[in-house]
Protein backbone atom coordinates (compact mmCIF):
# COMPACT_ATOMS: atom_id res chain seq x y z
CA MET A 1 -6.58 27.85 24.94
CA SER A 2 -3.54 25.79 24.21
CA SER A 3 -2.50 24.42 20.83
CA GLU A 4 -0.95 21.28 22.38
CA GLU A 5 -2.53 17.89 21.78
CA PRO A 6 -4.26 16.24 24.76
CA LYS A 7 -2.12 13.93 26.80
CA THR A 8 -4.82 11.82 28.48
CA ALA A 9 -7.95 10.06 27.33
CA ASP A 10 -10.16 12.49 29.29
CA ASP A 11 -8.62 15.47 27.49
CA ARG A 12 -9.09 13.76 24.12
CA GLU A 13 -12.91 13.80 24.49
CA SER A 14 -12.93 17.59 24.57
CA TRP A 15 -10.42 17.92 21.72
CA THR A 16 -11.74 18.78 18.27
CA PRO A 17 -9.91 18.14 15.01
CA ARG A 18 -7.97 21.03 13.58
CA GLN A 19 -8.89 22.66 10.35
CA ALA A 20 -5.74 21.18 8.78
CA ASP A 21 -7.17 17.70 9.36
CA GLY A 22 -10.17 18.58 7.21
CA TRP A 23 -7.93 19.79 4.41
CA ALA A 24 -5.82 16.63 4.68
CA PHE A 25 -8.97 14.47 4.37
CA PHE A 26 -10.20 16.52 1.40
CA SER A 27 -6.86 16.31 -0.40
CA THR A 28 -6.68 12.56 0.22
CA LEU A 29 -10.11 12.08 -1.32
CA LEU A 30 -9.36 14.35 -4.29
CA SER A 31 -5.96 12.87 -5.02
CA GLY A 32 -7.24 9.30 -4.77
CA VAL A 33 -9.98 9.98 -7.30
CA LEU A 34 -7.66 11.86 -9.65
CA VAL A 35 -4.82 9.33 -9.54
CA TRP A 36 -7.03 6.29 -10.04
CA SER A 37 -9.04 8.04 -12.74
CA ALA A 38 -5.76 8.70 -14.53
CA VAL A 39 -4.85 5.03 -14.17
CA GLY A 40 -8.22 4.08 -15.63
CA TRP A 41 -7.82 6.56 -18.46
CA GLY A 42 -4.40 5.10 -19.24
CA ALA A 43 -5.79 1.58 -19.23
CA ASP A 44 -8.56 2.72 -21.61
CA ARG A 45 -5.99 4.22 -23.98
CA LEU A 46 -3.74 1.15 -23.87
CA LEU A 47 -6.53 -1.34 -24.38
CA GLY A 48 -8.53 0.69 -26.92
CA PHE A 49 -11.70 1.27 -24.91
CA GLN A 50 -13.65 4.52 -24.94
CA ALA A 51 -14.62 4.86 -21.29
CA LEU A 52 -14.61 1.54 -19.50
CA PHE A 53 -11.78 1.78 -16.96
CA LEU A 54 -11.98 5.51 -16.29
CA PRO A 55 -15.17 5.31 -14.18
CA ILE A 56 -13.98 2.08 -12.58
CA GLY A 57 -10.76 3.84 -11.56
CA ALA A 58 -12.68 6.84 -10.23
CA VAL A 59 -14.90 4.62 -8.05
CA LEU A 60 -11.95 2.58 -6.81
CA GLY A 61 -10.05 5.77 -6.00
CA MET A 62 -13.01 7.15 -4.06
CA VAL A 63 -13.57 3.94 -2.11
CA GLY A 64 -9.87 3.59 -1.32
CA SER A 65 -9.66 7.21 -0.20
CA ILE A 66 -12.67 6.90 2.03
CA VAL A 67 -11.17 3.82 3.67
CA LEU A 68 -7.95 5.76 4.31
CA ILE A 69 -9.85 8.75 5.67
CA VAL A 70 -11.95 6.65 8.05
CA THR A 71 -8.85 4.80 9.25
CA LYS A 72 -7.05 8.09 9.88
CA ALA A 73 -10.09 9.66 11.57
CA ARG A 74 -10.32 6.77 14.02
CA GLN A 75 -6.70 7.35 15.03
CA ILE A 76 -7.31 11.02 15.83
């Protein structure tokens, strides 16, 4: 078995994503949720809310991350 990427479309059908791709997708999802949750938390602190923007930021981070993951997965 070779570790080279397929060079033709026929070879691509038999190619499976590497384990590193899964970790990259997971880290994209996790970092998106964490970063946008932190943005929401900061907005809550600045504007004096208890927990309004934190969940909004978490959901936006998850949706944005999923969009990025699907886009990247379609390129593989």
